[in-house]
Amino acid sequence: MLRKVFLFPGQGSQYVGMGEKLCKRSEIASKTFDEASEILNFDLKKLCFNGELTELTKTENLQPAILTMSVASFRAFTEQFGARADYMAGHSLGEISALTCAGAIAFEDAVKIARLRGKFMQEAVAENVGAMAAIRNIDKESIELTCKQVAGDKDSVSVSNYNSRNQIVVSGYKEDVLKVTEILTNMGAEAKMLQVSAPFHCPLMQPAADKFKTELEKYTFKDVRYKVISNVTARPYEGKESIIENLVKQIVSPVQWIESMLYLRRKTVELGIELGAGSVLKNLMLYNTPSIRVFTYDNDNDIKTLGEIDLTSKYIFL
């Protein structure tokens, strides 16, 4: 059988209009957005389809919006193609989407969890105090060493995302993130400050992690029906007992996306399908593991190509 991974994006994949085409062609996707709107007590379709970008990108709005887009895409895709995943992997927030689609978290609970996760992360560090920067064209050892040199005996700046060999993100207090980028650019690297509302996936998020743990303990989780890769370990979840621990650790730990993709390659995964907004994870997979063919369900041309593939075959193209 053709080994497949379903990929679920996180923050940074959003755009005004996301989900509109999907809901027009899929009744189940449209109902998923309606269900989320009822849970959130505001019109999620209006916000995603034609709302203000500044309102959409507020973390407590964006996280449930991204999750809903992914779950709606998963439901529409599986209804259209009938394909099942061998693995699921979600980037940051996308890990909650993956766990939801794998049956471990009820959708109603996932929407509430995502909204509170965003709220807790936003509250953890005051606005304009934290920052994140994407670093390119320099080895990860140099980035890690520079972060340690700038931080000293504090946790003021560290690597937050190992996205690809040529894109590593650092996160922390703004002044220390700027110091790191200055040092690295003088060494020949390229650095870009990210438009984010808080410094995610670093020790500064510990207050958010503590609140999130307390919140997660209120919910009931089930065992996953598919193998879901943890951002923290880059390995599949072993059972529902590890869900709270992994999701809490994820908030203060770097996203191990490179190792996650390499793990999938070692497991002979041949096809990746991104389910959610945009094509961020498609592009990262093309860079990290070019031997794995990858498509996004948010692109009409990719959907057409997927329709030409026997997703139950041992070969990608017949």
C-alpha atoms as a PDB file:
ATOM      1  CA  MET A   1       0.000   0.000   0.000  1.00  0.00           C
ATOM      2  CA  LEU A   2       1.063   3.575  -0.648  1.00  0.00           C
ATOM      3  CA  ARG A   3       2.338   5.035   2.642  1.00  0.00           C
ATOM      4  CA  LYS A   4       0.808   8.451   3.292  1.00  0.00           C
ATOM      5  CA  VAL A   5       1.171  11.249   5.819  1.00  0.00           C
ATOM      6  CA  PHE A   6      -1.433  13.955   6.377  1.00  0.00           C
ATOM      7  CA  LEU A   7       0.134  17.297   7.328  1.00  0.00           C
ATOM      8  CA  PHE A   8      -1.604  19.995   9.377  1.00  0.00           C
ATOM      9  CA  PRO A   9      -0.231  23.577   9.393  1.00  0.00           C
ATOM     10  CA  GLY A  10       0.006  26.022  12.279  1.00  0.00           C
ATOM     11  CA  GLN A  11       0.136  29.792  12.606  1.00  0.00           C
ATOM     12  CA  GLY A  12       1.643  31.564   9.637  1.00  0.00           C
ATOM     13  CA  SER A  13      -0.439  29.672   7.071  1.00  0.00           C
ATOM     14  CA  GLN A  14      -3.469  31.942   7.386  1.00  0.00           C
ATOM     15  CA  TYR A  15      -4.852  34.337   4.781  1.00  0.00           C
ATOM     16  CA  VAL A  16      -8.103  36.257   4.416  1.00  0.00           C
ATOM     17  CA  GLY A  17     -10.425  34.092   2.333  1.00  0.00           C
ATOM     18  CA  MET A  18      -9.165  30.779   3.684  1.00  0.00           C
ATOM     19  CA  GLY A  19     -11.827  28.120   3.658  1.00  0.00           C
ATOM     20  CA  GLU A  20     -14.231  29.944   1.350  1.00  0.00           C
ATOM     21  CA  LYS A  21     -13.573  27.787  -1.728  1.00  0.00           C
ATOM     22  CA  LEU A  22     -13.483  24.692   0.433  1.00  0.00           C
ATOM     23  CA  CYS A  23     -16.890  25.407   1.965  1.00  0.00           C
ATOM     24  CA  LYS A  24     -18.428  26.160  -1.437  1.00  0.00           C
ATOM     25  CA  ARG A  25     -17.433  22.754  -2.787  1.00  0.00           C
ATOM     26  CA  SER A  26     -17.922  20.695   0.386  1.00  0.00           C
ATOM     27  CA  GLU A  27     -21.024  20.596   2.563  1.00  0.00           C
ATOM     28  CA  ILE A  28     -19.196  18.775   5.354  1.00  0.00           C
ATOM     29  CA  ALA A  29     -16.519  21.474   5.427  1.00  0.00           C
ATOM     30  CA  SER A  30     -19.165  24.195   5.584  1.00  0.00           C
ATOM     31  CA  LYS A  31     -20.890  22.414   8.476  1.00  0.00           C
ATOM     32  CA  THR A  32     -17.545  22.143  10.282  1.00  0.00           C
ATOM     33  CA  PHE A  33     -17.111  25.929  10.151  1.00  0.00           C
ATOM     34  CA  ASP A  34     -20.695  26.389  11.342  1.00  0.00           C
ATOM     35  CA  GLU A  35     -20.074  24.011  14.231  1.00  0.00           C
ATOM     36  CA  ALA A  36     -16.968  25.964  15.261  1.00  0.00           C
ATOM     37  CA  SER A  37     -18.878  29.265  15.043  1.00  0.00           C
ATOM     38  CA  GLU A  38     -21.478  27.934  17.440  1.00  0.00           C
ATOM     39  CA  ILE A  39     -18.781  26.811  19.885  1.00  0.00           C
ATOM     40  CA  LEU A  40     -16.925  30.143  19.680  1.00  0.00           C
ATOM     41  CA  ASN A  41     -20.038  32.330  19.712  1.00  0.00           C
ATOM     42  CA  PHE A  42     -18.932  34.348  16.684  1.00  0.00           C
ATOM     43  CA  ASP A  43     -19.135  33.922  12.903  1.00  0.00           C
ATOM     44  CA  LEU A  44     -15.908  32.134  11.989  1.00  0.00           C
ATOM     45  CA  LYS A  45     -16.797  32.051   8.303  1.00  0.00           C
ATOM     46  CA  LYS A  46     -17.144  35.827   8.223  1.00  0.00           C
ATOM     47  CA  LEU A  47     -13.802  36.256   9.987  1.00  0.00           C
ATOM     48  CA  CYS A  48     -11.934  33.816   7.730  1.00  0.00           C
ATOM     49  CA  PHE A  49     -13.618  34.614   4.422  1.00  0.00           C
ATOM     50  CA  ASN A  50     -13.651  38.429   4.470  1.00  0.00           C
ATOM     51  CA  GLY A  51     -12.638  39.674   7.904  1.00  0.00           C
ATOM     52  CA  GLU A  52      -9.812  42.050   8.735  1.00  0.00           C
ATOM     53  CA  LEU A  53      -6.391  40.398   8.704  1.00  0.00           C
ATOM     54  CA  THR A  54      -5.480  42.093  11.989  1.00  0.00           C
ATOM     55  CA  GLU A  55      -8.531  40.528  13.664  1.00  0.00           C
ATOM     56  CA  LEU A  56      -7.893  37.113  12.115  1.00  0.00           C
ATOM     57  CA  THR A  57      -4.256  37.079  13.227  1.00  0.00           C
ATOM     58  CA  LYS A  58      -5.077  37.738  16.885  1.00  0.00           C
ATOM     59  CA  THR A  59      -3.730  34.536  18.397  1.00  0.00           C
ATOM     60  CA  GLU A  60      -6.901  33.583  20.284  1.00  0.00           C
ATOM     61  CA  ASN A  61      -8.900  33.923  17.025  1.00  0.00           C
ATOM     62  CA  LEU A  62      -6.273  32.484  14.713  1.00  0.00           C
ATOM     63  CA  GLN A  63      -5.625  29.238  16.536  1.00  0.00           C
ATOM     64  CA  PRO A  64      -9.237  27.972  16.443  1.00  0.00           C
ATOM     65  CA  ALA A  65      -9.552  29.290  12.865  1.00  0.00           C
ATOM     66  CA  ILE A  66      -6.499  27.353  11.661  1.00  0.00           C
ATOM     67  CA  LEU A  67      -7.660  24.235  13.505  1.00  0.00           C
ATOM     68  CA  THR A  68     -11.163  24.474  12.015  1.00  0.00           C
ATOM     69  CA  MET A  69      -9.752  24.938   8.502  1.00  0.00           C
ATOM     70  CA  SER A  70      -7.638  21.814   8.939  1.00  0.00           C
ATOM     71  CA  VAL A  71     -10.415  19.645  10.354  1.00  0.00           C
ATOM     72  CA  ALA A  72     -12.789  20.839   7.621  1.00  0.00           C
ATOM     73  CA  SER A  73     -10.153  20.005   5.003  1.00  0.00           C
ATOM     74  CA  PHE A  74      -9.576  16.563   6.509  1.00  0.00           C
ATOM     75  CA  ARG A  75     -13.284  15.783   6.535  1.00  0.00           C
ATOM     76  CA  ALA A  76     -13.771  17.001   2.968  1.00  0.00           C
ATOM     77  CA  PHE A  77     -10.669  15.193   1.691  1.00  0.00           C
ATOM     78  CA  THR A  78     -11.546  11.854   3.248  1.00  0.00           C
ATOM     79  CA  GLU A  79     -15.122  12.137   1.993  1.00  0.00           C
ATOM     80  CA  GLN A  80     -13.890  12.917  -1.534  1.00  0.00           C
ATOM     81  CA  PHE A  81     -11.054  10.403  -1.799  1.00  0.00           C
ATOM     82  CA  GLY A  82     -11.715   7.820   0.913  1.00  0.00           C
ATOM     83  CA  ALA A  83      -8.012   7.709   1.706  1.00  0.00           C
ATOM     84  CA  ARG A  84      -6.602   6.914   5.143  1.00  0.00           C
ATOM     85  CA  ALA A  85      -3.322   8.105   6.608  1.00  0.00           C
ATOM     86  CA  ASP A  86      -0.473   5.937   7.816  1.00  0.00           C
ATOM     87  CA  TYR A  87       0.892   8.921   9.746  1.00  0.00           C
ATOM     88  CA  MET A  88      -0.250  12.402  10.745  1.00  0.00           C
ATOM     89  CA  ALA A  89       1.984  15.348  11.600  1.00  0.00           C
ATOM     90  CA  GLY A  90       1.031  18.866  12.599  1.00  0.00           C
ATOM     91  CA  HIS A  91       3.286  21.879  12.975  1.00  0.00           C
ATOM     92  CA  SER A  92       2.839  23.560  16.384  1.00  0.00           C
ATOM     93  CA  LEU A  93      -0.921  24.192  16.675  1.00  0.00           C
ATOM     94  CA  GLY A  94      -1.290  21.694  13.825  1.00  0.00           C
ATOM     95  CA  GLU A  95      -0.441  18.915  16.269  1.00  0.00           C
ATOM     96  CA  ILE A  96      -3.802  19.545  17.962  1.00  0.00           C
ATOM     97  CA  SER A  97      -5.475  19.400  14.523  1.00  0.00           C
ATOM     98  CA  ALA A  98      -3.736  16.077  13.863  1.00  0.00           C
ATOM     99  CA  LEU A  99      -4.816  14.641  17.214  1.00  0.00           C
ATOM    100  CA  THR A 100      -8.384  15.787  16.532  1.00  0.00           C
ATOM    101  CA  CYS A 101      -8.473  14.189  13.094  1.00  0.00           C
ATOM    102  CA  ALA A 102      -6.918  11.044  14.590  1.00  0.00           C
ATOM    103  CA  GLY A 103      -9.875  10.784  16.977  1.00  0.00           C
ATOM    104  CA  ALA A 104      -7.993  11.583  20.203  1.00  0.00           C
ATOM    105  CA  ILE A 105      -9.706  14.948  20.848  1.00  0.00           C
ATOM    106  CA  ALA A 106     -13.367  15.727  20.216  1.00  0.00           C
ATOM    107  CA  PHE A 107     -13.747  18.612  17.747  1.00  0.00           C
ATOM    108  CA  GLU A 108     -15.826  20.667  20.183  1.00  0.00           C
ATOM    109  CA  ASP A 109     -13.090  20.300  22.797  1.00  0.00           C
ATOM    110  CA  ALA A 110     -10.333  21.019  20.276  1.00  0.00           C
ATOM    111  CA  VAL A 111     -11.872  24.361  19.277  1.00  0.00           C
ATOM    112  CA  LYS A 112     -12.066  25.441  22.929  1.00  0.00           C
ATOM    113  CA  ILE A 113      -8.543  24.173  23.622  1.00  0.00           C
ATOM    114  CA  ALA A 114      -7.112  26.020  20.615  1.00  0.00           C
ATOM    115  CA  ARG A 115      -8.746  29.306  21.581  1.00  0.00           C
ATOM    116  CA  LEU A 116      -7.496  29.110  25.173  1.00  0.00           C
ATOM    117  CA  ARG A 117      -4.042  28.016  24.021  1.00  0.00           C
ATOM    118  CA  GLY A 118      -3.855  31.174  21.940  1.00  0.00           C
ATOM    119  CA  LYS A 119      -5.103  33.308  24.829  1.00  0.00           C
ATOM    120  CA  PHE A 120      -2.606  31.851  27.304  1.00  0.00           C
ATOM    121  CA  MET A 121       0.303  32.250  24.878  1.00  0.00           C
ATOM    122  CA  GLN A 122      -0.650  35.857  24.155  1.00  0.00           C
ATOM    123  CA  GLU A 123      -0.854  36.676  27.856  1.00  0.00           C
ATOM    124  CA  ALA A 124       2.468  35.023  28.771  1.00  0.00           C
ATOM    125  CA  VAL A 125       4.641  37.881  27.482  1.00  0.00           C
ATOM    126  CA  ALA A 126       3.634  41.537  27.191  1.00  0.00           C
ATOM    127  CA  GLU A 127       3.078  42.922  23.693  1.00  0.00           C
ATOM    128  CA  ASN A 128       6.244  44.085  21.887  1.00  0.00           C
ATOM    129  CA  VAL A 129       8.470  42.516  24.575  1.00  0.00           C
ATOM    130  CA  GLY A 130       9.036  39.230  22.718  1.00  0.00           C
ATOM    131  CA  ALA A 131      10.013  38.474  19.131  1.00  0.00           C
ATOM    132  CA  MET A 132      10.827  35.688  16.696  1.00  0.00           C
ATOM    133  CA  ALA A 133      13.197  35.654  13.724  1.00  0.00           C
ATOM    134  CA  ALA A 134      13.750  33.173  10.904  1.00  0.00           C
ATOM    135  CA  ILE A 135      17.421  32.484  10.164  1.00  0.00           C
ATOM    136  CA  ARG A 136      18.721  31.161   6.847  1.00  0.00           C
ATOM    137  CA  ASN A 137      22.014  30.241   5.212  1.00  0.00           C
ATOM    138  CA  ILE A 138      23.934  29.225   8.320  1.00  0.00           C
ATOM    139  CA  ASP A 139      24.337  25.936  10.186  1.00  0.00           C
ATOM    140  CA  LYS A 140      22.168  25.136  13.196  1.00  0.00           C
ATOM    141  CA  GLU A 141      25.199  24.737  15.475  1.00  0.00           C
ATOM    142  CA  SER A 142      26.154  28.385  14.912  1.00  0.00           C
ATOM    143  CA  ILE A 143      22.591  29.494  15.668  1.00  0.00           C
ATOM    144  CA  GLU A 144      22.395  27.407  18.845  1.00  0.00           C
ATOM    145  CA  LEU A 145      25.798  28.628  20.058  1.00  0.00           C
ATOM    146  CA  THR A 146      24.938  32.281  19.398  1.00  0.00           C
ATOM    147  CA  CYS A 147      21.672  31.941  21.322  1.00  0.00           C
ATOM    148  CA  LYS A 148      23.558  30.461  24.290  1.00  0.00           C
ATOM    149  CA  GLN A 149      26.166  33.221  24.171  1.00  0.00           C
ATOM    150  CA  VAL A 150      23.545  35.985  24.106  1.00  0.00           C
ATOM    151  CA  ALA A 151      21.287  34.381  26.723  1.00  0.00           C
ATOM    152  CA  GLY A 152      24.084  33.563  29.156  1.00  0.00           C
ATOM    153  CA  ASP A 153      22.583  31.923  32.230  1.00  0.00           C
ATOM    154  CA  LYS A 154      19.074  33.140  31.305  1.00  0.00           C
ATOM    155  CA  ASP A 155      16.429  31.650  29.008  1.00  0.00           C
ATOM    156  CA  SER A 156      16.056  34.909  27.118  1.00  0.00           C
ATOM    157  CA  VAL A 157      16.532  33.590  23.556  1.00  0.00           C
ATOM    158  CA  SER A 158      16.657  30.103  22.043  1.00  0.00           C
ATOM    159  CA  VAL A 159      15.818  28.053  18.966  1.00  0.00           C
ATOM    160  CA  SER A 160      12.051  27.622  18.664  1.00  0.00           C
ATOM    161  CA  ASN A 161      11.606  25.870  15.305  1.00  0.00           C
ATOM    162  CA  TYR A 162      13.847  23.488  13.396  1.00  0.00           C
ATOM    163  CA  ASN A 163      11.807  23.876  10.208  1.00  0.00           C
ATOM    164  CA  SER A 164      14.375  22.891   7.586  1.00  0.00           C
ATOM    165  CA  ARG A 165      18.123  22.784   7.091  1.00  0.00           C
ATOM    166  CA  ASN A 166      17.847  26.294   5.706  1.00  0.00           C
ATOM    167  CA  GLN A 167      15.228  27.759   8.053  1.00  0.00           C
ATOM    168  CA  ILE A 168      15.609  27.802  11.803  1.00  0.00           C
ATOM    169  CA  VAL A 169      13.582  30.167  13.971  1.00  0.00           C
ATOM    170  CA  VAL A 170      14.760  31.795  17.202  1.00  0.00           C
ATOM    171  CA  SER A 171      12.446  33.142  19.875  1.00  0.00           C
ATOM    172  CA  GLY A 172      12.732  35.172  23.073  1.00  0.00           C
ATOM    173  CA  TYR A 173      12.981  38.706  24.390  1.00  0.00           C
ATOM    174  CA  LYS A 174      13.066  41.147  21.487  1.00  0.00           C
ATOM    175  CA  GLU A 175      16.365  42.793  22.413  1.00  0.00           C
ATOM    176  CA  ASP A 176      18.147  39.439  22.620  1.00  0.00           C
ATOM    177  CA  VAL A 177      16.563  38.137  19.403  1.00  0.00           C
ATOM    178  CA  LEU A 178      17.886  41.282  17.682  1.00  0.00           C
ATOM    179  CA  LYS A 179      21.353  40.677  19.154  1.00  0.00           C
ATOM    180  CA  VAL A 180      21.337  37.110  17.827  1.00  0.00           C
ATOM    181  CA  THR A 181      20.264  38.210  14.350  1.00  0.00           C
ATOM    182  CA  GLU A 182      22.924  40.913  14.277  1.00  0.00           C
ATOM    183  CA  ILE A 183      25.686  38.470  15.166  1.00  0.00           C
ATOM    184  CA  LEU A 184      24.482  35.862  12.687  1.00  0.00           C
ATOM    185  CA  THR A 185      24.038  38.324   9.800  1.00  0.00           C
ATOM    186  CA  ASN A 186      27.602  39.489  10.399  1.00  0.00           C
ATOM    187  CA  MET A 187      28.565  35.828   9.926  1.00  0.00           C
ATOM    188  CA  GLY A 188      26.794  35.751   6.556  1.00  0.00           C
ATOM    189  CA  ALA A 189      23.335  34.524   7.551  1.00  0.00           C
ATOM    190  CA  GLU A 190      20.014  35.983   6.438  1.00  0.00           C
ATOM    191  CA  ALA A 191      17.545  36.956   9.169  1.00  0.00           C
ATOM    192  CA  LYS A 192      13.916  38.021   8.974  1.00  0.00           C
ATOM    193  CA  MET A 193      11.830  39.205  11.909  1.00  0.00           C
ATOM    194  CA  LEU A 194       8.465  37.423  11.978  1.00  0.00           C
ATOM    195  CA  GLN A 195       5.127  39.179  12.396  1.00  0.00           C
ATOM    196  CA  VAL A 196       3.975  37.341  15.507  1.00  0.00           C
ATOM    197  CA  SER A 197       2.186  38.441  18.644  1.00  0.00           C
ATOM    198  CA  ALA A 198       4.387  36.536  21.117  1.00  0.00           C
ATOM    199  CA  PRO A 199       7.673  34.545  21.302  1.00  0.00           C
ATOM    200  CA  PHE A 200       6.375  31.007  20.830  1.00  0.00           C
ATOM    201  CA  HIS A 201       8.083  27.690  21.645  1.00  0.00           C
ATOM    202  CA  CYS A 202      10.593  29.002  24.131  1.00  0.00           C
ATOM    203  CA  PRO A 203      10.963  29.043  27.955  1.00  0.00           C
ATOM    204  CA  LEU A 204       9.275  32.469  28.135  1.00  0.00           C
ATOM    205  CA  MET A 205       6.036  30.615  27.439  1.00  0.00           C
ATOM    206  CA  GLN A 206       6.176  28.722  30.750  1.00  0.00           C
ATOM    207  CA  PRO A 207       3.257  30.708  32.274  1.00  0.00           C
ATOM    208  CA  ALA A 208       1.158  29.702  29.254  1.00  0.00           C
ATOM    209  CA  ALA A 209       2.265  26.077  29.581  1.00  0.00           C
ATOM    210  CA  ASP A 210       1.241  26.015  33.247  1.00  0.00           C
ATOM    211  CA  LYS A 211      -2.224  27.420  32.503  1.00  0.00           C
ATOM    212  CA  PHE A 212      -2.604  25.104  29.508  1.00  0.00           C
ATOM    213  CA  LYS A 213      -1.814  22.033  31.607  1.00  0.00           C
ATOM    214  CA  THR A 214      -4.511  22.990  34.099  1.00  0.00           C
ATOM    215  CA  GLU A 215      -6.994  23.465  31.236  1.00  0.00           C
ATOM    216  CA  LEU A 216      -6.132  20.185  29.475  1.00  0.00           C
ATOM    217  CA  GLU A 217      -6.702  18.229  32.665  1.00  0.00           C
ATOM    218  CA  LYS A 218     -10.404  19.125  32.387  1.00  0.00           C
ATOM    219  CA  TYR A 219     -10.830  17.100  29.169  1.00  0.00           C
ATOM    220  CA  THR A 220     -11.098  13.419  28.270  1.00  0.00           C
ATOM    221  CA  PHE A 221      -8.840  12.109  25.522  1.00  0.00           C
ATOM    222  CA  LYS A 222      -8.937   8.886  23.506  1.00  0.00           C
ATOM    223  CA  ASP A 223      -6.229   6.789  21.911  1.00  0.00           C
ATOM    224  CA  VAL A 224      -5.241   7.892  18.408  1.00  0.00           C
ATOM    225  CA  ARG A 225      -6.571   5.958  15.414  1.00  0.00           C
ATOM    226  CA  TYR A 226      -3.550   6.971  13.338  1.00  0.00           C
ATOM    227  CA  LYS A 227       0.124   7.398  14.192  1.00  0.00           C
ATOM    228  CA  VAL A 228       0.521  11.079  15.146  1.00  0.00           C
ATOM    229  CA  ILE A 229       4.043  12.554  15.285  1.00  0.00           C
ATOM    230  CA  SER A 230       4.868  14.672  18.340  1.00  0.00           C
ATOM    231  CA  ASN A 231       6.622  18.010  17.748  1.00  0.00           C
ATOM    232  CA  VAL A 232       8.660  17.441  20.916  1.00  0.00           C
ATOM    233  CA  THR A 233       9.949  13.914  20.276  1.00  0.00           C
ATOM    234  CA  ALA A 234       9.616  13.640  16.479  1.00  0.00           C
ATOM    235  CA  ARG A 235       8.131  10.205  17.143  1.00  0.00           C
ATOM    236  CA  PRO A 236       4.548   8.874  17.219  1.00  0.00           C
ATOM    237  CA  TYR A 237       2.355   9.204  20.281  1.00  0.00           C
ATOM    238  CA  GLU A 238       2.271   5.964  22.248  1.00  0.00           C
ATOM    239  CA  GLY A 239      -1.142   6.498  23.856  1.00  0.00           C
ATOM    240  CA  LYS A 240      -3.610   9.011  25.208  1.00  0.00           C
ATOM    241  CA  GLU A 241      -1.616   9.209  28.458  1.00  0.00           C
ATOM    242  CA  SER A 242       1.084  11.257  26.697  1.00  0.00           C
ATOM    243  CA  ILE A 243      -1.245  13.851  25.129  1.00  0.00           C
ATOM    244  CA  ILE A 244      -1.257  16.366  27.983  1.00  0.00           C
ATOM    245  CA  GLU A 245       2.479  15.990  28.629  1.00  0.00           C
ATOM    246  CA  ASN A 246       3.444  16.444  24.970  1.00  0.00           C
ATOM    247  CA  LEU A 247       1.108  19.375  24.288  1.00  0.00           C
ATOM    248  CA  VAL A 248       2.331  21.216  27.392  1.00  0.00           C
ATOM    249  CA  LYS A 249       6.011  20.578  26.607  1.00  0.00           C
ATOM    250  CA  GLN A 250       5.440  21.721  23.041  1.00  0.00           C
ATOM    251  CA  ILE A 251       4.628  25.265  24.170  1.00  0.00           C
ATOM    252  CA  VAL A 252       8.092  25.785  25.695  1.00  0.00           C
ATOM    253  CA  SER A 253      10.119  23.449  23.445  1.00  0.00           C
ATOM    254  CA  PRO A 254      11.381  23.784  19.868  1.00  0.00           C
ATOM    255  CA  VAL A 255       9.346  22.223  17.076  1.00  0.00           C
ATOM    256  CA  GLN A 256      11.406  19.290  15.758  1.00  0.00           C
ATOM    257  CA  TRP A 257      10.039  19.460  12.212  1.00  0.00           C
ATOM    258  CA  ILE A 258      13.206  18.428  10.352  1.00  0.00           C
ATOM    259  CA  GLU A 259      13.574  15.263  12.423  1.00  0.00           C
ATOM    260  CA  SER A 260       9.837  14.556  12.075  1.00  0.00           C
ATOM    261  CA  MET A 261      10.100  14.594   8.275  1.00  0.00           C
ATOM    262  CA  LEU A 262      13.267  12.489   8.294  1.00  0.00           C
ATOM    263  CA  TYR A 263      11.491   9.972  10.518  1.00  0.00           C
ATOM    264  CA  LEU A 264       8.689   9.707   7.953  1.00  0.00           C
ATOM    265  CA  ARG A 265      11.225   9.163   5.179  1.00  0.00           C
ATOM    266  CA  ARG A 266      12.879   6.368   7.176  1.00  0.00           C
ATOM    267  CA  LYS A 267       9.435   4.807   7.538  1.00  0.00           C
ATOM    268  CA  THR A 268       9.185   4.790   3.715  1.00  0.00           C
ATOM    269  CA  VAL A 269       6.367   7.325   3.483  1.00  0.00           C
ATOM    270  CA  GLU A 270       5.890   8.152  -0.202  1.00  0.00           C
ATOM    271  CA  LEU A 271       3.104  10.733  -0.263  1.00  0.00           C
ATOM    272  CA  GLY A 272       2.296  13.781   1.830  1.00  0.00           C
ATOM    273  CA  ILE A 273      -1.009  15.689   1.751  1.00  0.00           C
ATOM    274  CA  GLU A 274      -1.301  19.048   3.494  1.00  0.00           C
ATOM    275  CA  LEU A 275      -4.770  19.594   4.945  1.00  0.00           C
ATOM    276  CA  GLY A 276      -5.420  23.187   5.935  1.00  0.00           C
ATOM    277  CA  ALA A 277      -4.627  26.692   4.787  1.00  0.00           C
ATOM    278  CA  GLY A 278      -1.869  27.348   2.275  1.00  0.00           C
ATOM    279  CA  SER A 279       1.198  25.317   1.370  1.00  0.00           C
ATOM    280  CA  VAL A 280       3.789  26.056   4.071  1.00  0.00           C
ATOM    281  CA  LEU A 281       4.228  22.402   5.027  1.00  0.00           C
ATOM    282  CA  LYS A 282       4.228  21.263   1.415  1.00  0.00           C
ATOM    283  CA  ASN A 283       7.155  23.571   0.746  1.00  0.00           C
ATOM    284  CA  LEU A 284       9.023  22.409   3.864  1.00  0.00           C
ATOM    285  CA  MET A 285       8.554  18.770   2.905  1.00  0.00           C
ATOM    286  CA  LEU A 286       9.806  19.443  -0.619  1.00  0.00           C
ATOM    287  CA  TYR A 287      12.943  20.909   0.939  1.00  0.00           C
ATOM    288  CA  ASN A 288      13.455  18.429   3.796  1.00  0.00           C
ATOM    289  CA  THR A 289      12.492  15.195   2.075  1.00  0.00           C
ATOM    290  CA  PRO A 290      12.327  15.694  -1.719  1.00  0.00           C
ATOM    291  CA  SER A 291      11.868  11.955  -2.245  1.00  0.00           C
ATOM    292  CA  ILE A 292       8.334  12.246  -0.804  1.00  0.00           C
ATOM    293  CA  ARG A 293       5.763  13.580  -3.250  1.00  0.00           C
ATOM    294  CA  VAL A 294       3.554  16.170  -1.555  1.00  0.00           C
ATOM    295  CA  PHE A 295       0.363  18.048  -2.401  1.00  0.00           C
ATOM    296  CA  THR A 296      -1.890  20.554  -0.684  1.00  0.00           C
ATOM    297  CA  TYR A 297      -5.665  20.234  -0.541  1.00  0.00           C
ATOM    298  CA  ASP A 298      -5.883  24.052  -0.602  1.00  0.00           C
ATOM    299  CA  ASN A 299      -4.784  24.177  -4.262  1.00  0.00           C
ATOM    300  CA  ASP A 300      -7.065  23.350  -7.202  1.00  0.00           C
ATOM    301  CA  ASN A 301      -4.238  21.990  -9.375  1.00  0.00           C
ATOM    302  CA  ASP A 302      -3.033  19.721  -6.587  1.00  0.00           C
ATOM    303  CA  ILE A 303      -6.578  18.445  -6.023  1.00  0.00           C
ATOM    304  CA  LYS A 304      -6.810  17.626  -9.721  1.00  0.00           C
ATOM    305  CA  THR A 305      -3.528  15.719  -9.578  1.00  0.00           C
ATOM    306  CA  LEU A 306      -4.632  13.828  -6.481  1.00  0.00           C
ATOM    307  CA  GLY A 307      -7.711  12.752  -8.430  1.00  0.00           C
ATOM    308  CA  GLU A 308      -5.392  11.073 -10.931  1.00  0.00           C
ATOM    309  CA  ILE A 309      -3.632   9.042  -8.219  1.00  0.00           C
ATOM    310  CA  ASP A 310      -4.862   5.721  -6.886  1.00  0.00           C
ATOM    311  CA  LEU A 311      -4.423   6.565  -3.209  1.00  0.00           C
ATOM    312  CA  THR A 312      -4.864   2.909  -2.253  1.00  0.00           C
ATOM    313  CA  SER A 313      -2.157   1.677  -4.632  1.00  0.00           C
ATOM    314  CA  LYS A 314       1.456   0.879  -3.738  1.00  0.00           C
ATOM    315  CA  TYR A 315       2.526   3.291  -6.474  1.00  0.00           C
ATOM    316  CA  ILE A 316       1.929   7.039  -6.714  1.00  0.00           C
ATOM    317  CA  PHE A 317       1.316   7.076 -10.445  1.00  0.00           C
ATOM    318  CA  LEU A 318      -0.201   4.181 -12.373  1.00  0.00           C
END
